[in-house]
Amino acid sequence: MNITREDIDALNAVVKVDIAKADYSDKVEKILSDYRKTANIPGFRKGHVPMGMVKKQYGQAVLVDEVNKLLQDAIGKYLVEEKLDVLGNPLPKAQDDLDWNSDDFSFEFELGLAPKFDVKLKGKKAITHYNIVADDKMIDNQVKHIQKQYGKIISQTEATEASEITGKFTNEDAGIDNVATITLDKLKGKTNPKKFIGAKVGDVITVKTKNLFNDAHDLMTFLKVSHDDAHDLNVEVTFEVSEINERELADLDQELFDKLFGKGTVTSVTELKAKIKEDSEKQFSQQGDQKLLNDVTEYLVDNTKFDLPAEFLQKWMQTAGEEEMTVEQAKEEYEKSEKSMRYQLIEGKLIADHKLQVQFEDLKAYAMEMIKGQMAQFGQMNPSEKELEDIAARILSNQDEVKRLSEQLMSQKLLELYKTEANLKTKEITYDDFVKEFYS
């Protein structure tokens, strides 16, 4: 067998594989001999079928199969030995004149080669890393929410501004039929809340969905409509009141503190607010980090210039999926996925250049920390080391979970790299302002 390569340009090559009879004949003969022993052909006893008949019936199929196996194995080894970094998979060139009655064969494969490039993390313009803080207003609202959550529910005969009103939103034509509990501070303007004040059980209130809530997304929660429908929904709905309650706020005492955080962890309102601030900002830091990851990704894709073997990749995409694509479909798919392909190459380059690795011990520690956090959410604050190790071992025995956690851990390693190597500036921002600026 002989393999040669012709580089068309920096991004495209053709590999030629020459296969001689000596490369496959022994294997083909052995398979046909085994067929002969088991072949069940009328007129002949099993094991006594003439070899010529076996070859005539099965010879070419076996030959084609063995040559294809040789090809796949040879191409795979060649790419490894030559250390060729290819995109997609080698594409066999069409051969209309292939003669399977010959002794020797030649096959050609197109290769799309990964581009050579450098990645500069330090750009001229600084990327903002947002430090999201919980301000006094947010902390006070959270304290009030806790007091409501743990307070007593008192039934009312008539709705007031402070009431929780349960009822059913209905509009038959729009397919709306949902029971919900609302508070009047969610309603937009002055007119909407006034319609509910003074209402009694059994009353039916008619409102318009447009500008009903301060946040249009609340239509998804209270009316159970889709995200797309929520933004354009402009219909009348009825709300039949079924229950009216008011919450008597829980006292901010030691009993409540112990219920929330465990005995003696928090002993005053000041400590409660400090704990809320600490826990909130720990969660916010994840959102700030995710925003940084997104912004650095955008920067790297926009500022790391290299060409791709676009024509090859589009051709490869035509046959890579479960269903074959047309030329137009492959071009459209390539245009949609080009940005993510570029970032995958950039990420791979960063991982290689900075020798970022996910070791098993790192993965185990990461899994145990994740499990510990999940258990804490359900009140299990101090699991034993053995308990954590046993659960981690079960998770890491699942290859899909290993892949998922490895990707998360590598993402963290890249984030730390960006924090130390990229040109960043830190900006403090409240959570409400962060949401308004980037998600409204």
Protein backbone atom coordinates (compact mmCIF):
# COMPACT_ATOMS: atom_id res chain seq x y z
CA MET A 1 0.00 0.00 0.00
CA ASN A 2 1.27 3.47 -0.85
CA ILE A 3 -0.11 6.81 0.40
CA THR A 4 0.84 10.17 -1.07
CA ARG A 5 -0.44 13.70 -0.47
CA GLU A 6 -0.71 16.70 -2.76
CA ASP A 7 -1.28 20.05 -1.05
CA ILE A 8 -3.62 22.13 -3.19
CA ASP A 9 -3.16 25.17 -0.94
CA ALA A 10 -2.73 25.89 2.79
CA LEU A 11 -6.26 24.66 3.54
CA ASN A 12 -6.90 21.88 1.02
CA ALA A 13 -5.11 18.66 0.12
CA VAL A 14 -5.74 15.43 -1.78
CA VAL A 15 -4.52 12.11 -0.40
CA LYS A 16 -4.03 9.23 -2.85
CA VAL A 17 -4.12 5.64 -1.56
CA ASP A 18 -2.78 2.88 -3.84
CA ILE A 19 -3.83 -0.63 -2.84
CA ALA A 20 -2.15 -3.67 -4.38
CA LYS A 21 -3.48 -7.22 -4.53
CA ALA A 22 -0.97 -8.30 -1.89
CA ASP A 23 -2.60 -5.89 0.60
CA TYR A 24 -5.97 -7.66 0.61
CA SER A 25 -5.72 -11.09 -1.08
CA ASP A 26 -4.90 -13.18 2.03
CA LYS A 27 -7.76 -11.67 4.00
CA VAL A 28 -10.25 -12.10 1.15
CA GLU A 29 -9.18 -15.72 0.60
CA LYS A 30 -9.61 -16.52 4.30
CA ILE A 31 -13.11 -15.01 4.44
CA LEU A 32 -14.17 -16.87 1.29
CA SER A 33 -12.77 -20.14 2.73
CA ASP A 34 -14.86 -19.57 5.86
CA TYR A 35 -17.91 -18.89 3.67
CA ARG A 36 -17.27 -22.14 1.83
CA LYS A 37 -17.40 -24.09 5.11
CA THR A 38 -20.82 -22.70 6.02
CA ALA A 39 -22.40 -21.92 2.61
CA ASN A 40 -25.79 -23.55 2.12
CA ILE A 41 -26.23 -23.89 -1.67
CA PRO A 42 -28.78 -26.35 -3.16
CA GLY A 43 -27.15 -29.39 -4.81
CA PHE A 44 -24.03 -29.31 -2.62
CA ARG A 45 -23.27 -30.65 0.83
CA LYS A 46 -22.26 -28.02 3.39
CA GLY A 47 -18.49 -27.53 3.19
CA HIS A 48 -18.21 -29.08 -0.27
CA VAL A 49 -19.29 -26.13 -2.44
CA PRO A 50 -16.69 -25.51 -5.21
CA MET A 51 -14.49 -22.51 -4.39
CA GLY A 52 -15.12 -21.09 -7.86
CA MET A 53 -18.84 -20.92 -7.13
CA VAL A 54 -18.22 -19.26 -3.74
CA LYS A 55 -15.99 -16.67 -5.39
CA LYS A 56 -18.51 -16.04 -8.15
CA GLN A 57 -21.33 -15.51 -5.63
CA TYR A 58 -19.51 -13.68 -2.81
CA GLY A 59 -16.10 -12.69 -4.15
CA GLN A 60 -16.71 -9.10 -5.23
CA ALA A 61 -18.79 -8.19 -2.17
CA VAL A 62 -16.04 -9.50 0.14
CA LEU A 63 -13.37 -7.70 -1.90
CA VAL A 64 -15.21 -4.37 -1.76
CA ASP A 65 -15.78 -4.72 1.98
CA GLU A 66 -12.14 -5.56 2.75
CA VAL A 67 -10.73 -2.83 0.53
CA ASN A 68 -13.00 -0.27 2.21
CA LYS A 69 -11.83 -1.45 5.64
CA LEU A 70 -8.22 -1.14 4.50
CA LEU A 71 -8.90 2.37 3.21
CA GLN A 72 -10.50 3.62 6.43
CA ASP A 73 -7.74 2.13 8.56
CA ALA A 74 -4.99 3.49 6.30
CA ILE A 75 -6.42 7.03 6.15
CA GLY A 76 -6.92 7.11 9.94
CA LYS A 77 -3.33 5.99 10.62
CA TYR A 78 -1.95 8.37 8.03
CA LEU A 79 -3.64 11.41 9.60
CA VAL A 80 -2.26 10.44 13.03
CA GLU A 81 1.27 9.67 11.81
CA GLU A 82 1.50 12.84 9.73
CA LYS A 83 -0.09 14.87 12.57
CA LEU A 84 -2.55 16.44 10.17
CA ASP A 85 -5.18 18.63 11.81
CA VAL A 86 -8.21 18.21 9.56
CA LEU A 87 -11.70 19.69 9.62
CA GLY A 88 -14.68 17.39 9.07
CA ASN A 89 -13.79 13.99 7.58
CA PRO A 90 -11.85 12.99 4.46
CA LEU A 91 -14.16 13.03 1.43
CA PRO A 92 -13.70 10.28 -1.21
CA LYS A 93 -13.48 11.68 -4.74
CA ALA A 94 -15.97 10.20 -7.18
CA GLN A 95 -14.57 7.41 -9.41
CA ASP A 96 -16.99 6.44 -12.17
CA ASP A 97 -14.42 4.24 -13.92
CA LEU A 98 -13.49 2.07 -10.89
CA ASP A 99 -13.03 -1.54 -12.03
CA TRP A 100 -13.42 -4.05 -9.20
CA ASN A 101 -12.15 -6.83 -11.51
CA SER A 102 -8.66 -5.27 -11.41
CA ASP A 103 -5.96 -6.43 -9.02
CA ASP A 104 -4.77 -2.98 -7.97
CA PHE A 105 -6.82 0.06 -6.98
CA SER A 106 -6.25 3.78 -6.46
CA PHE A 107 -8.48 6.04 -4.37
CA GLU A 108 -8.34 9.78 -3.72
CA PHE A 109 -9.65 11.70 -0.72
CA GLU A 110 -10.11 15.43 -0.29
CA LEU A 111 -8.94 16.91 3.01
CA GLY A 112 -9.91 20.21 4.62
CA LEU A 113 -6.94 21.37 6.69
CA ALA A 114 -7.22 23.43 9.87
CA PRO A 115 -5.73 26.92 9.44
CA LYS A 116 -2.59 28.10 11.23
CA PHE A 117 -3.11 31.23 13.33
CA ASP A 118 -2.19 32.98 16.58
CA VAL A 119 -4.59 34.15 19.29
CA LYS A 120 -4.03 37.47 21.06
CA LEU A 121 -6.01 37.73 24.27
CA LYS A 122 -4.88 41.26 25.08
CA GLY A 123 -6.72 43.61 22.78
CA LYS A 124 -6.34 47.40 22.64
CA LYS A 125 -9.88 47.97 23.88
CA ALA A 126 -10.66 46.67 27.38
CA ILE A 127 -13.54 44.24 27.85
CA THR A 128 -15.85 44.99 30.78
CA HIS A 129 -16.13 42.44 33.58
CA TYR A 130 -19.27 43.29 35.52
CA ASN A 131 -19.21 43.04 39.32
CA ILE A 132 -22.91 42.69 40.10
CA VAL A 133 -23.87 43.88 43.59
CA ALA A 134 -27.00 43.61 45.71
CA ASP A 135 -28.00 47.15 46.71
CA ASP A 136 -30.00 48.14 49.82
CA LYS A 137 -33.29 48.27 47.90
CA MET A 138 -32.88 44.73 46.64
CA ILE A 139 -31.84 43.41 50.06
CA ASP A 140 -34.83 45.12 51.75
CA ASN A 141 -37.17 43.60 49.13
CA GLN A 142 -35.65 40.18 49.78
CA VAL A 143 -36.19 40.59 53.54
CA LYS A 144 -39.82 41.51 52.89
CA HIS A 145 -40.18 38.51 50.57
CA ILE A 146 -38.84 36.21 53.31
CA GLN A 147 -41.26 37.72 55.84
CA LYS A 148 -44.15 37.13 53.42
CA GLN A 149 -43.01 33.60 52.58
CA TYR A 150 -42.85 32.57 56.24
CA GLY A 151 -45.75 34.72 57.44
CA LYS A 152 -49.32 33.66 58.22
CA ILE A 153 -52.00 33.59 55.52
CA ILE A 154 -55.14 35.43 56.61
CA SER A 155 -58.31 35.03 54.59
CA GLN A 156 -60.10 38.23 53.49
CA THR A 157 -63.57 38.96 52.25
CA GLU A 158 -62.52 41.94 50.14
CA ALA A 159 -59.34 42.66 48.17
CA THR A 160 -56.97 45.46 49.25
CA GLU A 161 -53.68 46.74 47.83
CA ALA A 162 -51.81 44.21 49.98
CA SER A 163 -53.94 41.18 49.00
CA GLU A 164 -52.94 37.99 47.20
CA ILE A 165 -55.83 37.29 44.84
CA THR A 166 -56.37 33.86 43.33
CA GLY A 167 -58.61 33.36 40.33
CA LYS A 168 -58.90 32.04 36.79
CA PHE A 169 -57.83 34.01 33.70
CA THR A 170 -60.03 33.06 30.72
CA ASN A 171 -60.31 33.87 27.03
CA GLU A 172 -61.74 30.98 25.04
CA ASP A 173 -60.71 32.28 21.59
CA ALA A 174 -57.08 32.80 22.69
CA GLY A 175 -56.97 29.43 24.47
CA ILE A 176 -56.39 31.06 27.88
CA ASP A 177 -57.70 29.10 30.87
CA ASN A 178 -55.33 29.31 33.82
CA VAL A 179 -55.62 29.61 37.61
CA ALA A 180 -53.11 32.07 39.07
CA THR A 181 -52.39 34.03 42.24
CA ILE A 182 -51.43 37.67 41.68
CA THR A 183 -50.41 40.62 43.82
CA LEU A 184 -51.42 44.12 42.75
CA ASP A 185 -47.85 45.43 42.69
CA LYS A 186 -47.35 43.30 39.55
CA LEU A 187 -50.05 45.22 37.67
CA LYS A 188 -49.10 48.17 35.47
CA GLY A 189 -50.37 51.72 35.97
CA LYS A 190 -53.14 52.89 38.28
CA THR A 191 -56.26 51.71 36.43
CA ASN A 192 -55.50 47.99 36.48
CA PRO A 193 -54.99 47.68 40.27
CA LYS A 194 -58.14 49.73 40.93
CA LYS A 195 -60.25 47.10 39.12
CA PHE A 196 -59.16 44.50 41.71
CA ILE A 197 -59.40 46.59 44.90
CA GLY A 198 -62.71 45.88 46.64
CA ALA A 199 -63.31 42.65 44.69
CA LYS A 200 -64.95 39.69 46.48
CA VAL A 201 -64.91 35.94 45.88
CA GLY A 202 -67.07 35.18 42.84
CA ASP A 203 -66.53 38.57 41.20
CA VAL A 204 -65.50 38.57 37.54
CA ILE A 205 -63.05 41.30 36.46
CA THR A 206 -62.36 42.11 32.79
CA VAL A 207 -58.93 43.44 31.80
CA LYS A 208 -56.86 43.82 28.64
CA THR A 209 -53.65 41.84 28.38
CA LYS A 210 -51.75 44.71 26.70
CA ASN A 211 -49.95 46.69 29.43
CA LEU A 212 -51.53 44.53 32.12
CA PHE A 213 -48.29 43.74 33.94
CA ASN A 214 -45.16 45.81 34.61
CA ASP A 215 -43.19 42.98 33.00
CA ALA A 216 -44.80 41.59 29.82
CA HIS A 217 -43.12 38.24 30.57
CA ASP A 218 -45.50 37.84 33.53
CA LEU A 219 -48.19 36.97 30.96
CA MET A 220 -46.27 33.72 30.45
CA THR A 221 -46.51 32.90 34.16
CA PHE A 222 -50.06 34.04 34.95
CA LEU A 223 -51.82 33.30 31.65
CA LYS A 224 -49.62 30.38 30.52
CA VAL A 225 -48.93 31.74 27.04
CA SER A 226 -45.73 31.29 25.01
CA HIS A 227 -42.87 33.78 25.03
CA ASP A 228 -43.64 34.95 21.48
CA ASP A 229 -47.37 35.34 22.21
CA ALA A 230 -46.69 37.26 25.43
CA HIS A 231 -45.02 40.16 23.60
CA ASP A 232 -47.86 40.79 21.12
CA LEU A 233 -50.89 39.62 23.11
CA ASN A 234 -53.70 42.19 23.04
CA VAL A 235 -56.99 40.57 24.04
CA GLU A 236 -59.58 40.92 26.79
CA VAL A 237 -59.51 38.30 29.54
CA THR A 238 -61.81 37.69 32.45
CA PHE A 239 -60.52 36.96 35.95
CA GLU A 240 -62.97 35.15 38.25
CA VAL A 241 -61.92 35.61 41.89
CA SER A 242 -61.85 32.37 43.88
CA GLU A 243 -59.74 33.30 46.93
CA ILE A 244 -58.47 36.46 48.67
CA ASN A 245 -55.71 36.36 51.27
CA GLU A 246 -53.31 38.68 52.99
CA ARG A 247 -50.00 37.64 54.47
CA GLU A 248 -49.14 38.73 57.97
CA LEU A 249 -45.40 39.30 57.87
CA ALA A 250 -43.25 36.93 59.94
CA ASP A 251 -41.28 38.48 62.80
CA LEU A 252 -37.56 38.93 62.17
CA ASP A 253 -36.61 36.91 65.22
CA GLN A 254 -34.16 34.13 66.13
CA GLU A 255 -36.70 31.43 65.34
CA LEU A 256 -36.94 32.66 61.73
CA PHE A 257 -33.15 33.09 61.41
CA ASP A 258 -32.55 29.53 62.63
CA LYS A 259 -35.18 28.20 60.24
CA LEU A 260 -33.49 29.93 57.33
CA PHE A 261 -29.79 29.31 58.00
CA GLY A 262 -29.44 26.79 60.84
CA LYS A 263 -29.13 27.35 64.56
CA GLY A 264 -27.07 30.38 65.56
CA THR A 265 -25.66 31.14 62.10
CA VAL A 266 -27.51 34.49 61.94
CA THR A 267 -28.46 36.35 65.13
CA SER A 268 -29.64 39.81 64.00
CA VAL A 269 -31.32 41.69 61.16
CA THR A 270 -27.94 43.21 60.27
CA GLU A 271 -26.43 39.74 59.94
CA LEU A 272 -29.48 38.59 57.96
CA LYS A 273 -28.99 41.39 55.44
CA ALA A 274 -25.26 40.66 55.23
CA LYS A 275 -26.02 36.98 54.58
CA ILE A 276 -28.58 37.84 51.87
CA LYS A 277 -26.04 40.18 50.24
CA GLU A 278 -23.29 37.52 50.35
CA ASP A 279 -25.50 34.73 48.94
CA SER A 280 -27.03 36.96 46.26
CA GLU A 281 -23.68 38.27 45.04
CA LYS A 282 -22.30 34.74 44.89
CA GLN A 283 -25.09 33.92 42.43
CA PHE A 284 -24.65 37.20 40.57
CA SER A 285 -20.93 36.51 40.06
CA GLN A 286 -21.90 33.53 37.89
CA GLN A 287 -23.97 35.83 35.67
CA GLY A 288 -21.15 38.36 35.50
CA ASP A 289 -18.72 35.58 34.55
CA GLN A 290 -21.08 34.24 31.88
CA LYS A 291 -21.37 37.74 30.39
CA LEU A 292 -17.56 37.98 30.39
CA LEU A 293 -17.27 34.59 28.66
CA ASN A 294 -19.74 35.70 25.99
CA ASP A 295 -17.97 39.04 25.46
CA VAL A 296 -14.48 37.51 25.26
CA THR A 297 -15.80 34.88 22.83
CA GLU A 298 -17.25 37.65 20.65
CA TYR A 299 -13.97 39.58 20.81
CA LEU A 300 -11.85 36.53 19.89
CA VAL A 301 -14.04 35.57 16.93
CA ASP A 302 -14.06 39.15 15.61
CA ASN A 303 -10.33 39.76 16.09
CA THR A 304 -8.70 36.41 15.28
CA LYS A 305 -8.39 36.39 11.51
CA PHE A 306 -7.93 33.19 9.50
CA ASP A 307 -9.44 31.52 6.45
CA LEU A 308 -11.42 28.29 6.43
CA PRO A 309 -11.72 25.68 3.64
CA ALA A 310 -15.30 26.86 3.08
CA GLU A 311 -15.92 24.97 -0.16
CA PHE A 312 -14.69 21.70 1.34
CA LEU A 313 -16.72 22.15 4.53
CA GLN A 314 -19.91 22.85 2.59
CA LYS A 315 -19.32 19.73 0.51
CA TRP A 316 -18.68 17.72 3.68
CA MET A 317 -21.85 19.07 5.32
CA GLN A 318 -23.92 17.75 2.42
CA THR A 319 -23.30 14.14 3.50
CA ALA A 320 -22.30 14.46 7.19
CA GLY A 321 -25.82 14.47 8.65
CA GLU A 322 -28.52 11.83 8.80
CA GLU A 323 -30.19 13.32 5.72
CA GLU A 324 -28.24 14.49 2.67
CA MET A 325 -28.37 18.25 2.01
CA THR A 326 -28.59 20.11 -1.26
CA VAL A 327 -25.78 22.51 -2.22
CA GLU A 328 -27.96 25.46 -1.15
CA GLN A 329 -28.87 23.88 2.19
CA ALA A 330 -25.22 23.10 2.94
CA LYS A 331 -24.21 26.69 2.14
CA GLU A 332 -26.92 28.04 4.44
CA GLU A 333 -25.90 25.64 7.24
CA TYR A 334 -22.25 26.61 6.85
CA GLU A 335 -23.06 30.31 7.14
CA LYS A 336 -25.06 29.63 10.31
CA SER A 337 -22.34 27.53 11.94
CA GLU A 338 -19.20 29.32 10.71
CA LYS A 339 -18.94 31.51 13.82
CA SER A 340 -19.13 28.55 16.22
CA MET A 341 -16.59 26.61 14.11
CA ARG A 342 -14.20 29.54 14.30
CA TYR A 343 -14.54 29.75 18.09
CA GLN A 344 -14.00 25.99 18.47
CA LEU A 345 -10.70 26.34 16.61
CA ILE A 346 -9.72 29.39 18.68
CA GLU A 347 -10.64 27.61 21.91
CA GLY A 348 -8.65 24.54 20.88
CA LYS A 349 -5.65 26.75 20.14
CA LEU A 350 -5.89 28.45 23.55
CA ILE A 351 -6.20 25.10 25.33
CA ALA A 352 -3.12 23.77 23.51
CA ASP A 353 -1.02 26.94 23.86
CA HIS A 354 -1.73 27.31 27.59
CA LYS A 355 -1.64 23.56 28.29
CA LEU A 356 -5.11 23.56 29.89
CA GLN A 357 -6.09 20.06 30.98
CA VAL A 358 -8.91 18.45 32.92
CA GLN A 359 -7.38 15.79 35.17
CA PHE A 360 -9.53 13.11 36.79
CA GLU A 361 -8.80 14.46 40.28
CA ASP A 362 -9.96 17.93 39.16
CA LEU A 363 -13.11 16.40 37.75
CA LYS A 364 -13.79 14.43 40.94
CA ALA A 365 -13.30 17.52 43.14
CA TYR A 366 -15.54 19.58 40.85
CA ALA A 367 -18.28 16.91 40.93
CA MET A 368 -18.11 16.69 44.74
CA GLU A 369 -18.38 20.46 45.11
CA MET A 370 -21.38 20.49 42.77
CA ILE A 371 -23.06 17.67 44.75
CA LYS A 372 -22.38 19.48 48.03
CA GLY A 373 -24.08 22.61 46.69
CA GLN A 374 -27.11 20.66 45.48
CA MET A 375 -27.46 18.86 48.83
CA ALA A 376 -27.29 22.20 50.68
CA GLN A 377 -30.33 23.38 48.71
CA PHE A 378 -32.31 20.54 50.29
CA GLY A 379 -31.07 21.26 53.81
CA GLN A 380 -28.25 18.69 53.93
CA MET A 381 -25.53 21.06 55.07
CA ASN A 382 -22.79 18.68 56.22
CA PRO A 383 -22.60 15.50 54.12
CA SER A 384 -19.70 13.19 54.92
CA GLU A 385 -16.68 12.87 52.62
CA LYS A 386 -17.61 9.22 51.93
CA GLU A 387 -21.15 10.21 50.99
CA LEU A 388 -19.86 12.80 48.51
CA GLU A 389 -17.27 10.40 47.06
CA ASP A 390 -19.86 7.63 46.56
CA ILE A 391 -22.26 9.94 44.71
CA ALA A 392 -19.38 11.40 42.64
CA ALA A 393 -18.24 7.87 41.70
CA ARG A 394 -21.75 7.03 40.42
CA ILE A 395 -21.90 10.24 38.37
CA LEU A 396 -18.42 9.75 36.90
CA SER A 397 -19.24 6.21 35.82
CA ASN A 398 -21.58 7.76 33.23
CA GLN A 399 -19.59 8.87 30.16
CA ASP A 400 -22.19 11.47 29.15
CA GLU A 401 -21.90 13.07 32.61
CA VAL A 402 -18.10 12.97 32.41
CA LYS A 403 -18.24 14.77 29.06
CA ARG A 404 -20.69 17.39 30.37
CA LEU A 405 -18.72 18.08 33.57
CA SER A 406 -15.40 18.13 31.66
CA GLU A 407 -16.79 20.81 29.35
CA GLN A 408 -18.01 22.86 32.33
CA LEU A 409 -14.64 22.55 34.07
CA MET A 410 -12.72 23.50 30.92
CA SER A 411 -15.01 26.50 30.55
CA GLN A 412 -14.00 27.53 34.08
CA LYS A 413 -10.31 27.13 33.25
CA LEU A 414 -10.74 29.30 30.15
CA LEU A 415 -12.59 31.89 32.25
CA GLU A 416 -9.67 32.04 34.69
CA LEU A 417 -7.30 32.40 31.74
CA TYR A 418 -9.35 35.31 30.38
CA LYS A 419 -9.39 36.99 33.80
CA THR A 420 -5.60 36.91 34.05
CA GLU A 421 -4.54 37.36 30.41
CA ALA A 422 -7.22 39.45 28.66
CA ASN A 423 -7.43 43.24 28.75
CA LEU A 424 -10.28 43.72 31.24
CA LYS A 425 -11.80 46.56 33.22
CA THR A 426 -14.15 46.00 36.16
CA LYS A 427 -17.43 47.83 36.45
CA GLU A 428 -19.68 47.66 39.50
CA ILE A 429 -23.38 47.49 38.69
CA THR A 430 -26.56 46.68 40.60
CA TYR A 431 -28.46 43.56 39.63
CA ASP A 432 -31.49 45.58 38.48
CA ASP A 433 -29.33 47.79 36.24
CA PHE A 434 -27.51 44.72 34.87
CA VAL A 435 -30.83 43.10 33.92
CA LYS A 436 -32.17 46.33 32.38
CA GLU A 437 -29.03 46.88 30.33
CA PHE A 438 -28.59 43.39 28.94
CA TYR A 439 -31.84 41.45 29.18
CA SER A 440 -34.70 43.94 28.85
